Amino acid sequence: MGTKQHGYAGSKDDFLKRMARIEGQVRGITGMIEGDRYCIDIITQISAIQAALDKVALGLLDDHVAHCVMDAAEDDRSAKHAEVMTAVGRLLKR
C-alpha cells in the first residue's frame, strides 16, 4: 500500500527552499527588533515576508487545483471546488 502523494510533490523542494528563506527573514526581524532598528524598516521586512508567504500559498493552491481538483472523481469535484474557494477566502481575509 503506497502513500498518497500531494499535488505539490513535484514542487516540494522549491517550497521548502522558499520556506527556509522566509524562516531566515523572520529571524532577521527578531534581530532587527533586538537591535532597535527603525520601525519602518521592520514593517517593510514584515510586508516582504507576507508577500513571500502569499506566493507559497498561491503555489500550493495552484498545485492543488491542477492535481487534486482536476483529477477528482466527477461526484467529488463540487466538494473540491468548495474547498478551494474556502481556502481562497481565507487568503483574502487578511
C-alpha atoms as a PDB file:
ATOM      1  CA  MET A   1       0.000   0.000   0.000  1.00  0.00           C
ATOM      2  CA  GLY A   2       1.589   3.326  -1.117  1.00  0.00           C
ATOM      3  CA  THR A   3       1.435   6.726   0.467  1.00  0.00           C
ATOM      4  CA  LYS A   4      -0.807   9.239  -1.274  1.00  0.00           C
ATOM      5  CA  GLN A   5       1.207  11.995  -2.931  1.00  0.00           C
ATOM      6  CA  HIS A   6       0.040  15.559  -2.625  1.00  0.00           C
ATOM      7  CA  GLY A   7      -0.319  17.806  -5.654  1.00  0.00           C
ATOM      8  CA  TYR A   8       2.740  19.796  -4.623  1.00  0.00           C
ATOM      9  CA  ALA A   9       5.044  16.748  -4.649  1.00  0.00           C
ATOM     10  CA  GLY A  10       6.790  17.978  -7.807  1.00  0.00           C
ATOM     11  CA  SER A  11       7.355  21.422  -6.275  1.00  0.00           C
ATOM     12  CA  LYS A  12       8.152  20.298  -2.740  1.00  0.00           C
ATOM     13  CA  ASP A  13      11.862  21.183  -2.886  1.00  0.00           C
ATOM     14  CA  ASP A  14      11.067  24.679  -4.178  1.00  0.00           C
ATOM     15  CA  PHE A  15       8.501  25.217  -1.434  1.00  0.00           C
ATOM     16  CA  LEU A  16      10.958  24.027   1.213  1.00  0.00           C
ATOM     17  CA  LYS A  17      13.635  26.409  -0.076  1.00  0.00           C
ATOM     18  CA  ARG A  18      11.184  29.312  -0.032  1.00  0.00           C
ATOM     19  CA  MET A  19      10.073  28.449   3.488  1.00  0.00           C
ATOM     20  CA  ALA A  20      13.690  28.274   4.673  1.00  0.00           C
ATOM     21  CA  ARG A  21      14.259  31.758   3.224  1.00  0.00           C
ATOM     22  CA  ILE A  22      11.112  33.038   4.938  1.00  0.00           C
ATOM     23  CA  GLU A  23      12.227  31.480   8.207  1.00  0.00           C
ATOM     24  CA  GLY A  24      15.518  33.356   7.879  1.00  0.00           C
ATOM     25  CA  GLN A  25      13.660  36.592   7.195  1.00  0.00           C
ATOM     26  CA  VAL A  26      11.566  36.111  10.339  1.00  0.00           C
ATOM     27  CA  ARG A  27      14.714  35.527  12.391  1.00  0.00           C
ATOM     28  CA  GLY A  28      16.100  38.674  10.784  1.00  0.00           C
ATOM     29  CA  ILE A  29      13.140  40.676  12.051  1.00  0.00           C
ATOM     30  CA  THR A  30      13.815  39.390  15.548  1.00  0.00           C
ATOM     31  CA  GLY A  31      17.367  40.643  15.180  1.00  0.00           C
ATOM     32  CA  MET A  32      16.133  43.982  13.882  1.00  0.00           C
ATOM     33  CA  ILE A  33      13.901  44.426  16.921  1.00  0.00           C
ATOM     34  CA  GLU A  34      16.672  43.345  19.281  1.00  0.00           C
ATOM     35  CA  GLY A  35      18.970  45.827  17.530  1.00  0.00           C
ATOM     36  CA  ASP A  36      16.465  48.664  17.888  1.00  0.00           C
ATOM     37  CA  ARG A  37      16.166  49.184  14.141  1.00  0.00           C
ATOM     38  CA  TYR A  38      13.899  51.808  12.613  1.00  0.00           C
ATOM     39  CA  CYS A  39      10.201  50.828  12.770  1.00  0.00           C
ATOM     40  CA  ILE A  40       9.533  51.399   9.075  1.00  0.00           C
ATOM     41  CA  ASP A  41      12.430  49.104   8.128  1.00  0.00           C
ATOM     42  CA  ILE A  42      10.940  46.353  10.271  1.00  0.00           C
ATOM     43  CA  ILE A  43       7.481  46.878   8.788  1.00  0.00           C
ATOM     44  CA  THR A  44       8.977  46.705   5.293  1.00  0.00           C
ATOM     45  CA  GLN A  45      10.516  43.327   6.118  1.00  0.00           C
ATOM     46  CA  ILE A  46       7.224  42.075   7.559  1.00  0.00           C
ATOM     47  CA  SER A  47       5.496  43.098   4.332  1.00  0.00           C
ATOM     48  CA  ALA A  48       8.116  41.185   2.310  1.00  0.00           C
ATOM     49  CA  ILE A  49       7.509  38.071   4.416  1.00  0.00           C
ATOM     50  CA  GLN A  50       3.752  38.344   3.936  1.00  0.00           C
ATOM     51  CA  ALA A  51       4.256  38.602   0.166  1.00  0.00           C
ATOM     52  CA  ALA A  52       6.586  35.584   0.216  1.00  0.00           C
ATOM     53  CA  LEU A  53       4.048  33.542   2.195  1.00  0.00           C
ATOM     54  CA  ASP A  54       1.326  34.575  -0.268  1.00  0.00           C
ATOM     55  CA  LYS A  55       3.482  33.238  -3.119  1.00  0.00           C
ATOM     56  CA  VAL A  56       3.885  29.910  -1.331  1.00  0.00           C
ATOM     57  CA  ALA A  57       0.140  29.763  -0.646  1.00  0.00           C
ATOM     58  CA  LEU A  58      -0.726  30.552  -4.260  1.00  0.00           C
ATOM     59  CA  GLY A  59       1.745  27.944  -5.493  1.00  0.00           C
ATOM     60  CA  LEU A  60       0.201  25.331  -3.232  1.00  0.00           C
ATOM     61  CA  LEU A  61      -3.269  26.364  -4.336  1.00  0.00           C
ATOM     62  CA  ASP A  62      -2.262  26.138  -7.995  1.00  0.00           C
ATOM     63  CA  ASP A  63      -0.846  22.645  -7.489  1.00  0.00           C
ATOM     64  CA  HIS A  64      -3.952  21.629  -5.559  1.00  0.00           C
ATOM     65  CA  VAL A  65      -6.263  22.766  -8.349  1.00  0.00           C
ATOM     66  CA  ALA A  66      -4.099  21.201 -11.066  1.00  0.00           C
ATOM     67  CA  HIS A  67      -3.825  17.825  -9.365  1.00  0.00           C
ATOM     68  CA  CYS A  68      -6.381  17.308  -6.631  1.00  0.00           C
ATOM     69  CA  VAL A  69      -9.343  19.167  -8.108  1.00  0.00           C
ATOM     70  CA  MET A  70      -8.866  18.399 -11.790  1.00  0.00           C
ATOM     71  CA  ASP A  71      -8.138  14.727 -11.070  1.00  0.00           C
ATOM     72  CA  ALA A  72     -11.051  14.352  -8.651  1.00  0.00           C
ATOM     73  CA  ALA A  73     -13.856  11.992  -9.470  1.00  0.00           C
ATOM     74  CA  GLU A  74     -16.845  13.720 -11.067  1.00  0.00           C
ATOM     75  CA  ASP A  75     -19.002  13.319  -7.963  1.00  0.00           C
ATOM     76  CA  ASP A  76     -16.247  14.814  -5.745  1.00  0.00           C
ATOM     77  CA  ARG A  77     -15.484  17.916  -7.841  1.00  0.00           C
ATOM     78  CA  SER A  78     -18.167  20.066  -6.250  1.00  0.00           C
ATOM     79  CA  ALA A  79     -16.735  19.423  -2.785  1.00  0.00           C
ATOM     80  CA  LYS A  80     -13.195  20.095  -4.055  1.00  0.00           C
ATOM     81  CA  HIS A  81     -14.383  23.352  -5.647  1.00  0.00           C
ATOM     82  CA  ALA A  82     -15.930  24.464  -2.356  1.00  0.00           C
ATOM     83  CA  GLU A  83     -12.722  23.528  -0.534  1.00  0.00           C
ATOM     84  CA  VAL A  84     -10.647  25.687  -2.904  1.00  0.00           C
ATOM     85  CA  MET A  85     -12.989  28.643  -2.590  1.00  0.00           C
ATOM     86  CA  THR A  86     -12.843  28.410   1.205  1.00  0.00           C
ATOM     87  CA  ALA A  87      -9.036  28.435   1.044  1.00  0.00           C
ATOM     88  CA  VAL A  88      -9.080  31.456  -1.293  1.00  0.00           C
ATOM     89  CA  GLY A  89     -11.462  33.218   1.096  1.00  0.00           C
ATOM     90  CA  ARG A  90      -9.059  32.640   3.989  1.00  0.00           C
ATOM     91  CA  LEU A  91      -6.177  34.050   1.936  1.00  0.00           C
ATOM     92  CA  LEU A  92      -8.137  37.157   1.008  1.00  0.00           C
ATOM     93  CA  LYS A  93      -9.417  37.916   4.525  1.00  0.00           C
ATOM     94  CA  ARG A  94      -6.049  39.153   5.668  1.00  0.00           C
END
